[in-house]
Amino acid sequence: MSTPLALVPPSAWQRALRQRSLVLGAALTLLLLLAAGLSLVWTPWSPYEIDLELKLLPPSAAHWLGTDAFGRDVASLLLVGARSSILVGLIAVGIGLLLGTALGLLAAARRGWVEELIMRLADFTFAFPAILSAIMLTAVFGAGIVNAIIAIGIFNIPTFARVTRASANAVWSRDYILAARACGRSRWAITWEHVLPNILPMLIVQATIQFAIAILAEAALSYLGLGTQPPQPSWGRMLSEAQTLMFEAPLLAIWPGLAIALAVLGLNLLGDGLRDWLDPRLARAR
């Protein structure tokens, strides 16, 4: 069985520090979390305060990254926008992780028509990507962050179901699983005690990758006006508002674009590094 992260031996942590992608990804992800956490207690200026006399100011000591077309401080908008991205990512990935993992474990444990039904439902869900699902939800219930979270979460469910089922099927063929079944252990006991702990590292890696996808999806939906709604700041909506000012104030598009790129890069590097760390055979094969 896999060793919990809290009980990882010191040599494993030393190996983790030698993983450049893991270290860089963890640093960028930590920076994202710190920005979101800082916005809960402090921002340079109020991100909701509009002052047209201060609009489109260049970076200065008072406004580190300048101001937007409404006179709002861009640095403050970026900090609070990080909080929105993390909120959407956490809930959407949580929905996919919980429901998708449960369905994948059920498919691997029962097999037969149960597995076939779950996989066909997953295929059907894949036909409706997050943005298309959000458009349909918006047409029925109206635009908003809740509908964006639901749409992205639904998109994550089949992804986790497929990853869980494939990983669990590999575990079910192991000798110790056959021994547990020979001892009379039920399928659900084996799933909880042996299968889930062994596929947990793979699920953690997949969660970081889906988190990055969720941030991109949230930014895209907000850019289209379907995600986070005013006055709550959002990186995607900052890009949308800056597109008409590309020649007058190009920095307005660069800052949120850079924030999205660094957040997604950090999570992808973190997932790649975790994959190599948790399974050193992959690192040696590269």
Protein backbone atom coordinates (compact mmCIF):
# COMPACT_ATOMS: atom_id res chain seq x y z
CA MET A 1 0.00 0.00 0.00
CA SER A 2 1.09 3.57 -0.60
CA THR A 3 2.66 5.49 2.27
CA PRO A 4 0.70 8.58 3.41
CA LEU A 5 2.47 11.87 2.71
CA ALA A 6 2.78 12.55 6.44
CA LEU A 7 4.84 9.35 6.84
CA VAL A 8 7.08 9.81 3.81
CA PRO A 9 10.69 9.06 4.80
CA PRO A 10 13.30 11.86 4.75
CA SER A 11 14.97 10.39 1.66
CA ALA A 12 11.74 10.90 -0.29
CA TRP A 13 11.61 14.57 0.69
CA GLN A 14 15.24 14.94 -0.43
CA ARG A 15 14.29 13.42 -3.77
CA ALA A 16 11.39 15.87 -3.99
CA LEU A 17 13.76 18.82 -3.60
CA ARG A 18 15.75 17.54 -6.58
CA GLN A 19 12.62 17.65 -8.75
CA ARG A 20 12.90 21.06 -10.40
CA SER A 21 9.38 21.02 -11.81
CA LEU A 22 7.97 20.07 -8.41
CA VAL A 23 9.86 22.82 -6.58
CA LEU A 24 9.03 25.52 -9.15
CA GLY A 25 5.41 24.39 -9.41
CA ALA A 26 5.02 24.34 -5.63
CA ALA A 27 6.54 27.84 -5.39
CA LEU A 28 4.19 29.29 -8.03
CA THR A 29 1.18 27.54 -6.49
CA LEU A 30 2.15 28.81 -3.04
CA LEU A 31 2.41 32.32 -4.49
CA LEU A 32 -1.14 31.97 -5.84
CA LEU A 33 -2.42 30.79 -2.47
CA LEU A 34 -0.60 33.58 -0.63
CA ALA A 35 -2.08 36.20 -2.97
CA ALA A 36 -5.58 34.85 -2.37
CA GLY A 37 -5.03 34.62 1.37
CA LEU A 38 -3.60 38.14 1.54
CA SER A 39 -6.64 39.53 -0.26
CA LEU A 40 -8.83 38.30 2.62
CA VAL A 41 -7.17 40.67 5.08
CA TRP A 42 -5.50 43.39 3.00
CA THR A 43 -5.37 44.99 -0.45
CA PRO A 44 -3.51 48.19 -1.42
CA TRP A 45 -6.83 49.82 -2.35
CA SER A 46 -10.45 48.80 -2.37
CA PRO A 47 -11.06 46.69 -5.52
CA TYR A 48 -14.68 47.90 -5.58
CA GLU A 49 -14.04 51.66 -5.35
CA ILE A 50 -14.52 53.53 -8.64
CA ASP A 51 -12.80 56.89 -9.20
CA LEU A 52 -12.89 58.03 -12.82
CA GLU A 53 -10.42 60.83 -12.05
CA LEU A 54 -7.76 58.15 -11.50
CA LYS A 55 -8.52 56.02 -14.56
CA LEU A 56 -5.74 54.53 -16.71
CA LEU A 57 -2.88 55.71 -14.50
CA PRO A 58 0.50 54.08 -15.21
CA PRO A 59 2.31 52.08 -12.50
CA SER A 60 3.48 54.28 -9.65
CA ALA A 61 4.34 54.19 -5.97
CA ALA A 62 0.67 54.74 -5.10
CA HIS A 63 -0.72 52.24 -7.63
CA TRP A 64 1.92 49.58 -8.20
CA LEU A 65 0.39 48.18 -11.41
CA GLY A 66 -1.62 51.25 -12.39
CA THR A 67 -5.39 51.69 -12.56
CA ASP A 68 -8.05 50.44 -14.96
CA ALA A 69 -10.68 52.29 -16.99
CA PHE A 70 -12.81 52.78 -13.85
CA GLY A 71 -9.96 54.07 -11.67
CA ARG A 72 -9.66 50.83 -9.69
CA ASP A 73 -6.26 49.67 -8.49
CA VAL A 74 -5.07 46.80 -10.74
CA ALA A 75 -2.93 45.16 -8.05
CA SER A 76 -5.95 44.94 -5.74
CA LEU A 77 -8.08 43.50 -8.54
CA LEU A 78 -5.45 40.82 -9.21
CA LEU A 79 -5.25 39.83 -5.54
CA VAL A 80 -9.02 39.45 -5.18
CA GLY A 81 -9.24 37.80 -8.61
CA ALA A 82 -6.87 35.09 -7.35
CA ARG A 83 -9.38 34.36 -4.59
CA SER A 84 -12.17 33.92 -7.13
CA SER A 85 -10.07 31.57 -9.25
CA ILE A 86 -9.12 29.41 -6.26
CA LEU A 87 -12.71 29.31 -5.01
CA VAL A 88 -14.02 28.10 -8.36
CA GLY A 89 -11.15 25.65 -8.78
CA LEU A 90 -11.45 24.12 -5.32
CA ILE A 91 -15.22 23.57 -5.45
CA ALA A 92 -15.31 22.43 -9.09
CA VAL A 93 -12.40 20.02 -8.65
CA GLY A 94 -13.88 18.85 -5.34
CA ILE A 95 -17.14 17.99 -7.08
CA GLY A 96 -15.33 16.06 -9.79
CA LEU A 97 -12.98 14.35 -7.33
CA LEU A 98 -15.68 13.12 -4.96
CA LEU A 99 -18.29 12.03 -7.49
CA GLY A 100 -15.87 10.89 -10.19
CA THR A 101 -13.74 8.86 -7.79
CA ALA A 102 -16.82 7.20 -6.30
CA LEU A 103 -18.13 6.27 -9.76
CA GLY A 104 -14.72 5.01 -10.89
CA LEU A 105 -14.31 2.85 -7.78
CA LEU A 106 -17.82 1.47 -8.25
CA ALA A 107 -17.11 0.64 -11.90
CA ALA A 108 -13.87 -1.16 -11.01
CA ALA A 109 -15.43 -3.06 -8.09
CA ARG A 110 -18.64 -4.25 -9.79
CA ARG A 111 -17.55 -4.56 -13.44
CA GLY A 112 -20.05 -5.92 -15.96
CA TRP A 113 -23.06 -3.80 -16.85
CA VAL A 114 -22.40 -1.36 -13.97
CA GLU A 115 -18.97 -0.50 -15.36
CA GLU A 116 -20.33 -0.25 -18.88
CA LEU A 117 -23.16 2.09 -17.80
CA ILE A 118 -20.84 4.40 -15.86
CA MET A 119 -18.32 4.61 -18.71
CA ARG A 120 -21.02 5.35 -21.29
CA LEU A 121 -22.40 8.11 -19.07
CA ALA A 122 -18.86 9.49 -18.83
CA ASP A 123 -18.59 9.45 -22.63
CA PHE A 124 -21.92 11.29 -22.88
CA THR A 125 -20.79 13.95 -20.40
CA PHE A 126 -17.56 14.50 -22.35
CA ALA A 127 -19.72 15.67 -25.27
CA PHE A 128 -20.59 18.81 -23.25
CA PRO A 129 -17.39 20.69 -22.29
CA ALA A 130 -17.37 23.18 -19.43
CA ILE A 131 -17.96 26.30 -21.53
CA LEU A 132 -20.83 24.74 -23.49
CA SER A 133 -22.39 23.46 -20.26
CA ALA A 134 -22.08 26.93 -18.73
CA ILE A 135 -23.78 28.49 -21.75
CA MET A 136 -26.68 26.05 -21.40
CA LEU A 137 -26.95 26.65 -17.64
CA THR A 138 -26.81 30.40 -18.20
CA ALA A 139 -29.64 30.22 -20.72
CA VAL A 140 -31.81 28.52 -18.09
CA PHE A 141 -30.69 29.98 -14.74
CA GLY A 142 -28.76 33.13 -15.67
CA ALA A 143 -25.05 33.98 -15.55
CA GLY A 144 -23.13 33.63 -12.30
CA ILE A 145 -20.24 32.02 -10.49
CA VAL A 146 -22.42 29.21 -9.11
CA ASN A 147 -23.42 28.05 -12.60
CA ALA A 148 -19.77 28.25 -13.68
CA ILE A 149 -18.74 26.06 -10.75
CA ILE A 150 -21.47 23.52 -11.54
CA ALA A 151 -20.50 23.42 -15.23
CA ILE A 152 -16.79 22.95 -14.54
CA GLY A 153 -17.54 20.42 -11.79
CA ILE A 154 -19.72 18.34 -14.12
CA PHE A 155 -16.93 18.39 -16.70
CA ASN A 156 -14.47 17.07 -14.07
CA ILE A 157 -16.61 14.09 -13.01
CA PRO A 158 -15.99 11.86 -16.08
CA THR A 159 -12.29 12.74 -16.05
CA PHE A 160 -11.84 11.51 -12.48
CA ALA A 161 -14.13 8.54 -13.14
CA ARG A 162 -11.96 7.36 -16.03
CA VAL A 163 -8.66 7.88 -14.18
CA THR A 164 -9.99 6.15 -11.06
CA ARG A 165 -11.41 3.21 -12.97
CA ALA A 166 -8.20 2.62 -14.95
CA SER A 167 -5.98 2.88 -11.87
CA ALA A 168 -8.32 0.75 -9.74
CA ASN A 169 -8.53 -1.99 -12.36
CA ALA A 170 -4.73 -2.26 -12.27
CA VAL A 171 -4.81 -2.61 -8.47
CA TRP A 172 -7.59 -5.22 -8.55
CA SER A 173 -5.30 -7.56 -10.51
CA ARG A 174 -2.57 -7.52 -7.82
CA ASP A 175 -1.78 -10.65 -5.81
CA TYR A 176 -2.57 -9.09 -2.42
CA ILE A 177 -6.05 -8.18 -3.67
CA LEU A 178 -6.60 -11.77 -4.75
CA ALA A 179 -5.40 -12.90 -1.31
CA ALA A 180 -7.81 -10.52 0.41
CA ARG A 181 -10.69 -11.86 -1.68
CA ALA A 182 -9.65 -15.42 -0.84
CA CYS A 183 -9.85 -14.49 2.86
CA GLY A 184 -13.49 -13.48 2.41
CA ARG A 185 -13.10 -9.69 2.43
CA SER A 186 -15.97 -7.90 0.71
CA ARG A 187 -15.43 -5.83 -2.43
CA TRP A 188 -16.24 -2.61 -0.55
CA ALA A 189 -13.79 -3.40 2.26
CA ILE A 190 -11.06 -4.16 -0.28
CA THR A 191 -11.87 -0.96 -2.17
CA TRP A 192 -11.63 1.18 0.98
CA GLU A 193 -8.64 -0.53 2.60
CA HIS A 194 -6.48 -1.41 -0.41
CA VAL A 195 -7.62 0.06 -3.72
CA LEU A 196 -8.27 3.67 -2.72
CA PRO A 197 -4.99 4.15 -0.75
CA ASN A 198 -2.99 2.81 -3.70
CA ILE A 199 -4.57 5.09 -6.30
CA LEU A 200 -4.59 8.19 -4.06
CA PRO A 201 -1.27 9.55 -5.40
CA MET A 202 -2.62 9.39 -8.95
CA LEU A 203 -5.78 11.20 -7.87
CA ILE A 204 -3.72 13.95 -6.23
CA VAL A 205 -1.76 14.44 -9.44
CA GLN A 206 -4.94 14.52 -11.52
CA ALA A 207 -6.51 17.03 -9.11
CA THR A 208 -3.66 19.51 -9.63
CA ILE A 209 -4.01 19.20 -13.40
CA GLN A 210 -7.79 19.67 -13.26
CA PHE A 211 -7.29 22.66 -10.95
CA ALA A 212 -5.26 24.36 -13.68
CA ILE A 213 -7.96 23.54 -16.24
CA ALA A 214 -10.62 24.92 -13.88
CA ILE A 215 -8.76 28.23 -13.56
CA LEU A 216 -8.55 28.50 -17.35
CA ALA A 217 -12.23 27.60 -17.70
CA GLU A 218 -13.27 30.16 -15.08
CA ALA A 219 -11.23 32.86 -16.82
CA ALA A 220 -12.78 31.95 -20.18
CA LEU A 221 -16.31 31.98 -18.78
CA SER A 222 -15.75 35.31 -17.03
CA TYR A 223 -14.29 36.72 -20.26
CA LEU A 224 -17.53 35.74 -22.00
CA GLY A 225 -19.59 37.26 -19.19
CA LEU A 226 -20.85 33.87 -17.94
CA GLY A 227 -18.66 33.41 -14.86
CA THR A 228 -17.87 35.73 -11.95
CA GLN A 229 -20.16 38.75 -12.12
CA PRO A 230 -19.47 42.42 -11.23
CA PRO A 231 -18.49 43.89 -8.88
CA GLN A 232 -16.49 40.79 -7.85
CA PRO A 233 -13.08 40.98 -9.59
CA SER A 234 -12.07 38.21 -11.99
CA TRP A 235 -8.97 37.74 -14.12
CA GLY A 236 -11.06 36.76 -17.12
CA ARG A 237 -13.28 39.82 -16.91
CA MET A 238 -10.20 42.03 -16.47
CA LEU A 239 -9.01 40.70 -19.84
CA SER A 240 -12.42 41.36 -21.36
CA GLU A 241 -12.47 44.94 -20.10
CA ALA A 242 -8.90 45.54 -21.31
CA GLN A 243 -9.42 44.35 -24.90
CA THR A 244 -10.78 47.70 -26.06
CA LEU A 245 -7.78 49.52 -24.54
CA MET A 246 -4.96 47.45 -26.04
CA PHE A 247 -3.29 50.44 -27.73
CA GLU A 248 -4.09 52.99 -25.02
CA ALA A 249 -3.17 50.86 -21.97
CA PRO A 250 -1.69 47.48 -22.99
CA LEU A 251 -0.59 46.69 -19.45
CA LEU A 252 -4.23 46.20 -18.44
CA ALA A 253 -4.29 43.01 -20.51
CA ILE A 254 -0.75 41.90 -19.66
CA TRP A 255 -1.22 41.74 -15.86
CA PRO A 256 -4.25 39.39 -15.72
CA GLY A 257 -2.90 37.36 -18.64
CA LEU A 258 0.39 36.92 -16.81
CA ALA A 259 -1.43 35.96 -13.61
CA ILE A 260 -3.45 33.27 -15.42
CA ALA A 261 -0.35 31.96 -17.21
CA LEU A 262 1.71 31.71 -14.00
CA ALA A 263 -1.13 30.07 -12.06
CA VAL A 264 -1.74 27.44 -14.75
CA LEU A 265 2.00 26.91 -15.29
CA GLY A 266 2.56 26.43 -11.56
CA LEU A 267 -0.22 23.86 -11.18
CA ASN A 268 0.87 21.95 -14.29
CA LEU A 269 4.48 21.86 -13.09
CA LEU A 270 3.28 20.79 -9.66
CA GLY A 271 1.26 17.94 -11.14
CA ASP A 272 4.16 16.88 -13.35
CA GLY A 273 6.58 16.98 -10.42
CA LEU A 274 4.23 15.08 -8.13
CA ARG A 275 3.84 12.38 -10.78
CA ASP A 276 7.62 11.91 -10.97
CA TRP A 277 8.03 12.07 -7.19
CA LEU A 278 5.26 9.64 -6.31
CA ASP A 279 6.29 7.22 -9.07
CA PRO A 280 10.09 7.44 -9.60
CA ARG A 281 9.85 4.89 -12.44
CA LEU A 282 8.30 7.61 -14.62
CA ALA A 283 11.17 9.97 -13.88
CA ARG A 284 13.76 7.32 -14.82
CA ALA A 285 11.92 6.54 -18.03
CA ARG A 286 12.19 10.14 -19.28
